[in-house]
Amino acid sequence: MSGTIKKVTNVAFKASKNIDWDGMAKLLVSDEARKEFSSLRRAFEEVNSTLQTKFSQEPEPIDWEYYRKGIGSRLVDMYKEAYDSIEIPKFVDTVTPQYKPKFDALLVELKEAEQKSLKESERLEKEIVEVQEMKKKISTMTADEYFVKHPELRKKFDDEIRNDYWGY
């Protein structure tokens, strides 16, 4: 078996270990998305299984003597010579070097977006807590207590009253 096929098989096997299928499944909302995701997972596992079984094993060597006895040595020697002369070309990867810098740049961009998203999540969580507290206190809160938390509204209302603008 060629070294390239072994490399591909090993990379695919290692990649499958690093995939957090359960974590991704938790992010799905609709039933249709869950169905599609499970079919993707099944297809991935089938391909990975095929790679592991078919391409990870060395082929059995040809027993030329067995064929010499049954067919004749001249014909078998001709086939053996043709078989031995076959050269499987080495795979030369010309695509990966082109896309590796782009992929690395996207990874950096992804990390930045993830950090921004985490910060925004924290901010929103704090805002939710504040709104929930406000919801609990709103029925007994005075205007002065509200304006302490929102001084910009106090200024706006004071300006409207000062300018004799009553909203109609």
C-alpha atoms as a PDB file:
ATOM      1  CA  MET A   1       0.000   0.000   0.000  1.00  0.00           C
ATOM      2  CA  SER A   2       1.309   3.428  -0.814  1.00  0.00           C
ATOM      3  CA  GLY A   3       2.439   5.698   1.994  1.00  0.00           C
ATOM      4  CA  THR A   4       0.026   8.412   0.902  1.00  0.00           C
ATOM      5  CA  ILE A   5      -3.042   6.242   1.489  1.00  0.00           C
ATOM      6  CA  LYS A   6      -1.743   5.347   4.947  1.00  0.00           C
ATOM      7  CA  LYS A   7      -1.243   9.039   5.719  1.00  0.00           C
ATOM      8  CA  VAL A   8      -4.746   9.917   4.566  1.00  0.00           C
ATOM      9  CA  THR A   9      -6.202   7.063   6.597  1.00  0.00           C
ATOM     10  CA  ASN A  10      -4.292   8.087   9.711  1.00  0.00           C
ATOM     11  CA  VAL A  11      -5.266  11.749   9.350  1.00  0.00           C
ATOM     12  CA  ALA A  12      -8.933  10.850   8.892  1.00  0.00           C
ATOM     13  CA  PHE A  13      -8.829   8.559  11.916  1.00  0.00           C
ATOM     14  CA  LYS A  14      -7.177  11.210  14.100  1.00  0.00           C
ATOM     15  CA  ALA A  15      -9.609  13.859  12.891  1.00  0.00           C
ATOM     16  CA  SER A  16     -12.569  11.699  13.839  1.00  0.00           C
ATOM     17  CA  LYS A  17     -11.286  11.442  17.408  1.00  0.00           C
ATOM     18  CA  ASN A  18     -11.169  15.239  17.745  1.00  0.00           C
ATOM     19  CA  ILE A  19     -14.735  15.893  16.596  1.00  0.00           C
ATOM     20  CA  ASP A  20     -17.124  16.738  19.424  1.00  0.00           C
ATOM     21  CA  TRP A  21     -20.258  15.291  17.863  1.00  0.00           C
ATOM     22  CA  ASP A  22     -22.300  15.502  21.065  1.00  0.00           C
ATOM     23  CA  GLY A  23     -21.300  19.111  21.650  1.00  0.00           C
ATOM     24  CA  MET A  24     -22.323  20.063  18.130  1.00  0.00           C
ATOM     25  CA  ALA A  25     -25.594  18.126  18.438  1.00  0.00           C
ATOM     26  CA  LYS A  26     -26.534  20.179  21.515  1.00  0.00           C
ATOM     27  CA  LEU A  27     -26.347  23.360  19.436  1.00  0.00           C
ATOM     28  CA  LEU A  28     -28.989  22.185  16.970  1.00  0.00           C
ATOM     29  CA  VAL A  29     -32.484  23.579  17.412  1.00  0.00           C
ATOM     30  CA  SER A  30     -34.819  22.038  14.852  1.00  0.00           C
ATOM     31  CA  ASP A  31     -35.674  18.384  14.297  1.00  0.00           C
ATOM     32  CA  GLU A  32     -34.733  18.685  10.623  1.00  0.00           C
ATOM     33  CA  ALA A  33     -31.268  19.931  11.582  1.00  0.00           C
ATOM     34  CA  ARG A  34     -30.861  17.014  14.000  1.00  0.00           C
ATOM     35  CA  LYS A  35     -31.817  14.541  11.242  1.00  0.00           C
ATOM     36  CA  GLU A  36     -29.348  16.085   8.797  1.00  0.00           C
ATOM     37  CA  PHE A  37     -26.654  16.145  11.454  1.00  0.00           C
ATOM     38  CA  SER A  38     -27.159  12.481  12.341  1.00  0.00           C
ATOM     39  CA  SER A  39     -27.016  11.483   8.663  1.00  0.00           C
ATOM     40  CA  LEU A  40     -23.799  13.509   8.288  1.00  0.00           C
ATOM     41  CA  ARG A  41     -22.339  11.756  11.305  1.00  0.00           C
ATOM     42  CA  ARG A  42     -23.347   8.327   9.967  1.00  0.00           C
ATOM     43  CA  ALA A  43     -21.829   9.089   6.555  1.00  0.00           C
ATOM     44  CA  PHE A  44     -18.617  10.315   8.167  1.00  0.00           C
ATOM     45  CA  GLU A  45     -18.342   7.201  10.308  1.00  0.00           C
ATOM     46  CA  GLU A  46     -18.997   4.934   7.310  1.00  0.00           C
ATOM     47  CA  VAL A  47     -16.276   6.624   5.257  1.00  0.00           C
ATOM     48  CA  ASN A  48     -13.896   6.547   8.194  1.00  0.00           C
ATOM     49  CA  SER A  49     -14.632   2.865   8.799  1.00  0.00           C
ATOM     50  CA  THR A  50     -14.024   2.108   5.122  1.00  0.00           C
ATOM     51  CA  LEU A  51     -10.730   3.952   5.229  1.00  0.00           C
ATOM     52  CA  GLN A  52      -9.670   2.055   8.334  1.00  0.00           C
ATOM     53  CA  THR A  53     -10.570  -1.381   7.005  1.00  0.00           C
ATOM     54  CA  LYS A  54      -9.798  -1.246   3.297  1.00  0.00           C
ATOM     55  CA  PHE A  55      -6.828   1.034   3.082  1.00  0.00           C
ATOM     56  CA  SER A  56      -4.989   0.438   6.317  1.00  0.00           C
ATOM     57  CA  GLN A  57      -4.082  -3.159   5.495  1.00  0.00           C
ATOM     58  CA  GLU A  58      -1.304  -4.316   3.227  1.00  0.00           C
ATOM     59  CA  PRO A  59      -2.504  -6.395   0.273  1.00  0.00           C
ATOM     60  CA  GLU A  60      -1.658 -10.063   0.353  1.00  0.00           C
ATOM     61  CA  PRO A  61       1.376 -10.899  -1.808  1.00  0.00           C
ATOM     62  CA  ILE A  62       0.683 -12.765  -5.034  1.00  0.00           C
ATOM     63  CA  ASP A  63       1.623 -16.428  -4.951  1.00  0.00           C
ATOM     64  CA  TRP A  64       3.279 -16.625  -8.394  1.00  0.00           C
ATOM     65  CA  GLU A  65       4.270 -20.279  -7.939  1.00  0.00           C
ATOM     66  CA  TYR A  66       0.631 -21.286  -7.498  1.00  0.00           C
ATOM     67  CA  TYR A  67      -0.251 -19.697 -10.843  1.00  0.00           C
ATOM     68  CA  ARG A  68       2.835 -21.171 -12.577  1.00  0.00           C
ATOM     69  CA  LYS A  69       1.622 -24.659 -11.723  1.00  0.00           C
ATOM     70  CA  GLY A  70      -1.886 -24.068 -13.052  1.00  0.00           C
ATOM     71  CA  ILE A  71      -1.322 -21.771 -16.042  1.00  0.00           C
ATOM     72  CA  GLY A  72       2.262 -22.189 -17.113  1.00  0.00           C
ATOM     73  CA  SER A  73       5.440 -20.331 -16.250  1.00  0.00           C
ATOM     74  CA  ARG A  74       5.780 -18.346 -19.484  1.00  0.00           C
ATOM     75  CA  LEU A  75       2.442 -16.542 -19.160  1.00  0.00           C
ATOM     76  CA  VAL A  76       2.849 -16.063 -15.391  1.00  0.00           C
ATOM     77  CA  ASP A  77       6.368 -14.668 -15.857  1.00  0.00           C
ATOM     78  CA  MET A  78       5.002 -12.224 -18.391  1.00  0.00           C
ATOM     79  CA  TYR A  79       2.322 -11.065 -15.935  1.00  0.00           C
ATOM     80  CA  LYS A  80       4.833 -10.941 -13.059  1.00  0.00           C
ATOM     81  CA  GLU A  81       7.179  -8.789 -15.132  1.00  0.00           C
ATOM     82  CA  ALA A  82       4.315  -6.441 -16.062  1.00  0.00           C
ATOM     83  CA  TYR A  83       3.162  -6.345 -12.431  1.00  0.00           C
ATOM     84  CA  ASP A  84       6.635  -5.546 -11.144  1.00  0.00           C
ATOM     85  CA  SER A  85       7.096  -2.804 -13.733  1.00  0.00           C
ATOM     86  CA  ILE A  86       4.040  -0.905 -12.513  1.00  0.00           C
ATOM     87  CA  GLU A  87       5.039   2.218 -10.681  1.00  0.00           C
ATOM     88  CA  ILE A  88       2.423   4.017  -8.697  1.00  0.00           C
ATOM     89  CA  PRO A  89       3.215   7.702  -8.848  1.00  0.00           C
ATOM     90  CA  LYS A  90       3.717   9.543  -5.591  1.00  0.00           C
ATOM     91  CA  PHE A  91       0.989  11.998  -4.754  1.00  0.00           C
ATOM     92  CA  VAL A  92       2.253  15.556  -4.799  1.00  0.00           C
ATOM     93  CA  ASP A  93       0.010  17.921  -2.879  1.00  0.00           C
ATOM     94  CA  THR A  94      -0.124  21.228  -4.727  1.00  0.00           C
ATOM     95  CA  VAL A  95      -3.441  22.402  -3.268  1.00  0.00           C
ATOM     96  CA  THR A  96      -2.688  22.520   0.454  1.00  0.00           C
ATOM     97  CA  PRO A  97       0.150  25.061   0.184  1.00  0.00           C
ATOM     98  CA  GLN A  98      -2.196  27.411  -1.688  1.00  0.00           C
ATOM     99  CA  TYR A  99      -4.974  27.249   0.880  1.00  0.00           C
ATOM    100  CA  LYS A 100      -3.020  26.810   4.109  1.00  0.00           C
ATOM    101  CA  PRO A 101      -2.340  30.563   4.595  1.00  0.00           C
ATOM    102  CA  LYS A 102      -5.986  31.353   3.873  1.00  0.00           C
ATOM    103  CA  PHE A 103      -7.111  28.693   6.323  1.00  0.00           C
ATOM    104  CA  ASP A 104      -4.722  29.953   9.005  1.00  0.00           C
ATOM    105  CA  ALA A 105      -5.994  33.507   8.497  1.00  0.00           C
ATOM    106  CA  LEU A 106      -9.559  32.248   8.866  1.00  0.00           C
ATOM    107  CA  LEU A 107      -8.608  30.466  12.086  1.00  0.00           C
ATOM    108  CA  VAL A 108      -7.211  33.719  13.504  1.00  0.00           C
ATOM    109  CA  GLU A 109     -10.376  35.518  12.426  1.00  0.00           C
ATOM    110  CA  LEU A 110     -12.449  32.778  14.029  1.00  0.00           C
ATOM    111  CA  LYS A 111     -10.608  33.123  17.351  1.00  0.00           C
ATOM    112  CA  GLU A 112     -11.157  36.894  17.311  1.00  0.00           C
ATOM    113  CA  ALA A 113     -14.844  36.441  16.552  1.00  0.00           C
ATOM    114  CA  GLU A 114     -15.095  33.871  19.327  1.00  0.00           C
ATOM    115  CA  GLN A 115     -13.553  36.306  21.825  1.00  0.00           C
ATOM    116  CA  LYS A 116     -15.922  39.077  20.735  1.00  0.00           C
ATOM    117  CA  SER A 117     -18.846  36.685  21.020  1.00  0.00           C
ATOM    118  CA  LEU A 118     -17.834  35.621  24.527  1.00  0.00           C
ATOM    119  CA  LYS A 119     -17.511  39.256  25.636  1.00  0.00           C
ATOM    120  CA  GLU A 120     -20.893  40.081  24.137  1.00  0.00           C
ATOM    121  CA  SER A 121     -22.410  37.044  25.865  1.00  0.00           C
ATOM    122  CA  GLU A 122     -21.030  38.211  29.201  1.00  0.00           C
ATOM    123  CA  ARG A 123     -22.416  41.696  28.625  1.00  0.00           C
ATOM    124  CA  LEU A 124     -25.819  40.308  27.688  1.00  0.00           C
ATOM    125  CA  GLU A 125     -25.868  38.006  30.716  1.00  0.00           C
ATOM    126  CA  LYS A 126     -25.194  41.013  32.973  1.00  0.00           C
ATOM    127  CA  GLU A 127     -27.906  42.978  31.208  1.00  0.00           C
ATOM    128  CA  ILE A 128     -30.373  40.117  31.692  1.00  0.00           C
ATOM    129  CA  VAL A 129     -29.591  40.031  35.412  1.00  0.00           C
ATOM    130  CA  GLU A 130     -30.102  43.814  35.638  1.00  0.00           C
ATOM    131  CA  VAL A 131     -33.426  43.622  33.790  1.00  0.00           C
ATOM    132  CA  GLN A 132     -34.608  40.790  36.035  1.00  0.00           C
ATOM    133  CA  GLU A 133     -33.688  42.809  39.121  1.00  0.00           C
ATOM    134  CA  MET A 134     -35.447  45.839  37.667  1.00  0.00           C
ATOM    135  CA  LYS A 135     -38.508  43.714  36.955  1.00  0.00           C
ATOM    136  CA  LYS A 136     -38.662  42.649  40.598  1.00  0.00           C
ATOM    137  CA  LYS A 137     -38.246  46.197  41.935  1.00  0.00           C
ATOM    138  CA  ILE A 138     -40.239  48.188  39.349  1.00  0.00           C
ATOM    139  CA  SER A 139     -43.565  48.033  41.183  1.00  0.00           C
ATOM    140  CA  THR A 140     -42.149  49.633  44.359  1.00  0.00           C
ATOM    141  CA  MET A 141     -39.469  51.857  42.777  1.00  0.00           C
ATOM    142  CA  THR A 142     -39.722  55.646  42.889  1.00  0.00           C
ATOM    143  CA  ALA A 143     -38.792  57.903  39.994  1.00  0.00           C
ATOM    144  CA  ASP A 144     -35.715  59.129  41.866  1.00  0.00           C
ATOM    145  CA  GLU A 145     -34.470  55.558  42.372  1.00  0.00           C
ATOM    146  CA  TYR A 146     -35.004  54.871  38.671  1.00  0.00           C
ATOM    147  CA  PHE A 147     -33.188  58.060  37.640  1.00  0.00           C
ATOM    148  CA  VAL A 148     -30.194  57.107  39.799  1.00  0.00           C
ATOM    149  CA  LYS A 149     -29.687  54.089  37.543  1.00  0.00           C
ATOM    150  CA  HIS A 150     -30.529  56.044  34.358  1.00  0.00           C
ATOM    151  CA  PRO A 151     -29.232  59.629  34.705  1.00  0.00           C
ATOM    152  CA  GLU A 152     -29.515  60.241  30.935  1.00  0.00           C
ATOM    153  CA  LEU A 153     -33.303  59.874  31.164  1.00  0.00           C
ATOM    154  CA  ARG A 154     -33.467  62.334  34.070  1.00  0.00           C
ATOM    155  CA  LYS A 155     -31.567  64.875  31.950  1.00  0.00           C
ATOM    156  CA  LYS A 156     -33.880  64.239  28.986  1.00  0.00           C
ATOM    157  CA  PHE A 157     -37.045  64.698  31.079  1.00  0.00           C
ATOM    158  CA  ASP A 158     -35.643  67.776  32.828  1.00  0.00           C
ATOM    159  CA  ASP A 159     -34.813  69.314  29.416  1.00  0.00           C
ATOM    160  CA  GLU A 160     -38.307  68.572  28.124  1.00  0.00           C
ATOM    161  CA  ILE A 161     -39.913  70.149  31.201  1.00  0.00           C
ATOM    162  CA  ARG A 162     -37.578  73.148  31.056  1.00  0.00           C
ATOM    163  CA  ASN A 163     -38.393  73.673  27.346  1.00  0.00           C
ATOM    164  CA  ASP A 164     -42.087  73.239  28.012  1.00  0.00           C
ATOM    165  CA  TYR A 165     -42.285  70.197  25.685  1.00  0.00           C
ATOM    166  CA  TRP A 166     -44.921  67.810  27.021  1.00  0.00           C
ATOM    167  CA  GLY A 167     -44.979  65.359  24.094  1.00  0.00           C
ATOM    168  CA  TYR A 168     -48.140  66.629  22.345  1.00  0.00           C
END
